[in-house]
């Protein structure tokens, strides 16, 4: 199964991430302004896309979970 759909779901849940798919390439822009980083992979490179998903969820591009308000 292709991981591009999983990447789309991860990106859709984040306001600081933009996913673009064009010319057989997925480009993920993380952050804002001059601090923005771009990650990319071929649309069918499941291994690379899984690495990007891992970085967005748990790695260096993970959102600061302590900043998320908790319900009382």
N, C-alpha and C. Protein backbone atom coordinates (compact mmCIF):
# COMPACT_ATOMS: atom_id res chain seq x y z
N UNK A 1 0.84 -1.19 0.00
CA UNK A 1 0.00 0.00 0.00
C UNK A 1 0.88 1.24 0.00
N UNK A 2 0.52 2.21 -0.76
CA UNK A 2 1.29 3.45 -0.85
C UNK A 2 1.10 4.29 0.40
N UNK A 3 2.18 4.91 0.85
CA UNK A 3 2.17 5.71 2.07
C UNK A 3 1.77 7.16 1.82
N UNK A 4 1.57 7.55 0.58
CA UNK A 4 1.21 8.93 0.26
C UNK A 4 -0.09 9.33 0.95
N UNK A 5 -1.05 8.43 1.03
CA UNK A 5 -2.31 8.73 1.73
C UNK A 5 -2.09 8.97 3.21
N UNK A 6 -1.23 8.18 3.83
CA UNK A 6 -0.92 8.39 5.26
C UNK A 6 -0.23 9.73 5.46
N UNK A 7 0.65 10.09 4.54
CA UNK A 7 1.32 11.39 4.63
C UNK A 7 0.30 12.52 4.52
N UNK A 8 -0.66 12.38 3.62
CA UNK A 8 -1.69 13.40 3.47
C UNK A 8 -2.48 13.58 4.76
N UNK A 9 -2.80 12.48 5.44
CA UNK A 9 -3.53 12.56 6.70
C UNK A 9 -2.71 13.28 7.77
N UNK A 10 -1.44 12.93 7.88
CA UNK A 10 -0.56 13.58 8.86
C UNK A 10 -0.47 15.07 8.59
N UNK A 11 -0.29 15.44 7.32
CA UNK A 11 -0.16 16.86 6.96
C UNK A 11 -1.46 17.62 7.19
N UNK A 12 -2.60 17.00 6.94
CA UNK A 12 -3.90 17.65 7.10
C UNK A 12 -4.19 18.00 8.56
N UNK A 13 -3.56 17.32 9.48
CA UNK A 13 -3.80 17.56 10.90
C UNK A 13 -2.92 18.67 11.47
N UNK A 14 -2.04 19.23 10.63
CA UNK A 14 -1.09 20.25 11.09
C UNK A 14 -1.29 21.55 10.35
N UNK A 15 -1.35 22.66 11.08
CA UNK A 15 -1.51 23.97 10.44
C UNK A 15 -0.18 24.53 9.96
N UNK A 16 0.93 23.95 10.39
CA UNK A 16 2.25 24.45 10.00
C UNK A 16 2.89 23.61 8.90
N UNK A 17 2.10 22.77 8.23
CA UNK A 17 2.62 21.87 7.19
C UNK A 17 1.80 22.03 5.92
N UNK A 18 2.49 22.11 4.79
CA UNK A 18 1.84 22.17 3.49
C UNK A 18 2.36 21.01 2.65
N UNK A 19 1.46 20.23 2.08
CA UNK A 19 1.82 19.11 1.20
C UNK A 19 1.46 19.49 -0.23
N UNK A 20 2.43 19.37 -1.13
CA UNK A 20 2.20 19.59 -2.55
C UNK A 20 2.62 18.33 -3.29
N UNK A 21 1.77 17.89 -4.23
CA UNK A 21 2.10 16.74 -5.06
C UNK A 21 2.07 17.22 -6.51
N UNK A 22 3.20 17.11 -7.18
CA UNK A 22 3.30 17.58 -8.55
C UNK A 22 4.46 16.89 -9.25
N UNK A 23 4.29 16.58 -10.50
CA UNK A 23 5.36 15.99 -11.32
C UNK A 23 5.96 14.75 -10.66
N UNK A 24 5.10 13.88 -10.15
CA UNK A 24 5.50 12.61 -9.51
C UNK A 24 6.34 12.81 -8.26
N UNK A 25 6.22 13.98 -7.60
CA UNK A 25 7.00 14.28 -6.42
C UNK A 25 6.10 14.88 -5.34
N UNK A 26 6.29 14.43 -4.11
CA UNK A 26 5.58 15.01 -2.96
C UNK A 26 6.55 15.93 -2.23
N UNK A 27 6.16 17.17 -2.05
CA UNK A 27 6.97 18.15 -1.32
C UNK A 27 6.21 18.55 -0.07
N UNK A 28 6.89 18.52 1.06
CA UNK A 28 6.30 18.85 2.34
C UNK A 28 7.04 20.06 2.88
N UNK A 29 6.31 21.14 3.12
CA UNK A 29 6.89 22.37 3.66
C UNK A 29 6.47 22.46 5.12
N UNK A 30 7.46 22.53 6.01
CA UNK A 30 7.20 22.53 7.45
C UNK A 30 7.68 23.84 8.05
N UNK A 31 6.83 24.48 8.84
CA UNK A 31 7.21 25.71 9.50
C UNK A 31 6.72 26.93 8.76
N UNK A 32 7.19 28.09 9.20
CA UNK A 32 6.75 29.35 8.63
C UNK A 32 7.94 30.28 8.42
N UNK A 33 7.82 31.16 7.45
CA UNK A 33 8.83 32.18 7.20
C UNK A 33 10.19 31.60 6.86
N UNK A 34 11.26 32.29 7.30
CA UNK A 34 12.61 31.84 6.97
C UNK A 34 13.01 30.53 7.65
N UNK A 35 12.23 30.09 8.62
CA UNK A 35 12.50 28.84 9.33
C UNK A 35 11.88 27.64 8.63
N UNK A 36 11.19 27.87 7.51
CA UNK A 36 10.50 26.79 6.79
C UNK A 36 11.51 25.82 6.20
N UNK A 37 11.21 24.54 6.32
CA UNK A 37 12.02 23.46 5.78
C UNK A 37 11.20 22.71 4.74
N UNK A 38 11.85 22.26 3.69
CA UNK A 38 11.16 21.47 2.67
C UNK A 38 11.74 20.07 2.62
N UNK A 39 10.87 19.09 2.69
CA UNK A 39 11.23 17.68 2.55
C UNK A 39 10.57 17.18 1.28
N UNK A 40 11.19 16.26 0.58
CA UNK A 40 10.56 15.77 -0.64
C UNK A 40 10.91 14.31 -0.90
N UNK A 41 10.03 13.69 -1.68
CA UNK A 41 10.21 12.28 -2.06
C UNK A 41 9.37 12.02 -3.30
N UNK A 42 9.74 11.02 -4.05
CA UNK A 42 8.88 10.59 -5.16
C UNK A 42 7.58 10.09 -4.56
N UNK A 43 6.47 10.26 -5.26
CA UNK A 43 5.16 9.90 -4.73
C UNK A 43 5.04 8.42 -4.40
N UNK A 44 5.85 7.58 -5.05
CA UNK A 44 5.75 6.14 -4.84
C UNK A 44 6.91 5.56 -4.02
N UNK A 45 7.73 6.41 -3.41
CA UNK A 45 8.85 5.96 -2.58
C UNK A 45 8.36 5.79 -1.14
N UNK A 46 7.73 4.65 -0.89
CA UNK A 46 7.12 4.40 0.42
C UNK A 46 8.11 4.50 1.57
N UNK A 47 9.32 4.03 1.38
CA UNK A 47 10.32 4.06 2.46
C UNK A 47 10.65 5.49 2.85
N UNK A 48 10.91 6.35 1.88
CA UNK A 48 11.24 7.75 2.16
C UNK A 48 10.04 8.47 2.78
N UNK A 49 8.85 8.20 2.26
CA UNK A 49 7.65 8.84 2.80
C UNK A 49 7.42 8.41 4.24
N UNK A 50 7.67 7.15 4.57
CA UNK A 50 7.54 6.69 5.96
C UNK A 50 8.54 7.42 6.85
N UNK A 51 9.75 7.67 6.36
CA UNK A 51 10.73 8.43 7.13
C UNK A 51 10.23 9.84 7.41
N UNK A 52 9.63 10.47 6.41
CA UNK A 52 9.10 11.82 6.57
C UNK A 52 7.96 11.82 7.59
N UNK A 53 7.07 10.84 7.50
CA UNK A 53 5.97 10.73 8.46
C UNK A 53 6.51 10.58 9.87
N UNK A 54 7.53 9.74 10.03
CA UNK A 54 8.14 9.54 11.35
C UNK A 54 8.73 10.85 11.88
N UNK A 55 9.39 11.62 11.02
CA UNK A 55 9.97 12.91 11.45
C UNK A 55 8.87 13.90 11.83
N UNK A 56 7.76 13.90 11.09
CA UNK A 56 6.66 14.81 11.40
C UNK A 56 5.96 14.44 12.69
N UNK A 57 5.84 13.15 12.97
CA UNK A 57 5.14 12.71 14.16
C UNK A 57 6.00 12.66 15.41
N UNK A 58 7.23 12.20 15.28
CA UNK A 58 8.06 11.94 16.47
C UNK A 58 9.45 12.57 16.43
N UNK A 59 9.90 12.99 15.28
CA UNK A 59 11.27 13.46 15.11
C UNK A 59 11.43 14.96 15.25
N UNK A 60 12.37 15.49 14.51
CA UNK A 60 12.74 16.90 14.65
C UNK A 60 11.65 17.87 14.21
N UNK A 61 10.65 17.41 13.45
CA UNK A 61 9.56 18.29 13.00
C UNK A 61 8.26 18.02 13.73
N UNK A 62 8.31 17.25 14.81
CA UNK A 62 7.12 16.97 15.61
C UNK A 62 6.65 18.25 16.28
N UNK A 63 5.34 18.41 16.35
CA UNK A 63 4.79 19.56 17.06
C UNK A 63 5.05 19.41 18.55
N UNK A 64 5.25 20.51 19.22
CA UNK A 64 5.45 20.50 20.66
C UNK A 64 4.15 20.10 21.33
N UNK A 65 4.10 18.87 21.81
CA UNK A 65 2.86 18.35 22.39
C UNK A 65 2.49 19.05 23.70
N UNK A 66 3.45 19.65 24.38
CA UNK A 66 3.14 20.35 25.63
C UNK A 66 2.38 21.63 25.37
N UNK A 67 2.42 22.15 24.11
CA UNK A 67 1.73 23.38 23.79
C UNK A 67 0.25 23.14 23.47
N UNK A 68 -0.14 21.89 23.35
CA UNK A 68 -1.53 21.55 23.03
C UNK A 68 -2.37 21.65 24.30
N UNK A 69 -3.44 22.48 24.28
CA UNK A 69 -4.26 22.58 25.49
C UNK A 69 -4.98 21.28 25.78
N UNK A 70 -5.13 20.99 27.04
CA UNK A 70 -5.84 19.77 27.44
C UNK A 70 -7.24 20.12 27.90
N UNK A 71 -8.16 19.21 27.67
CA UNK A 71 -9.55 19.44 28.11
C UNK A 71 -9.68 19.09 29.58
N UNK A 72 -10.53 19.81 30.26
CA UNK A 72 -10.76 19.54 31.68
C UNK A 72 -12.15 19.03 31.90
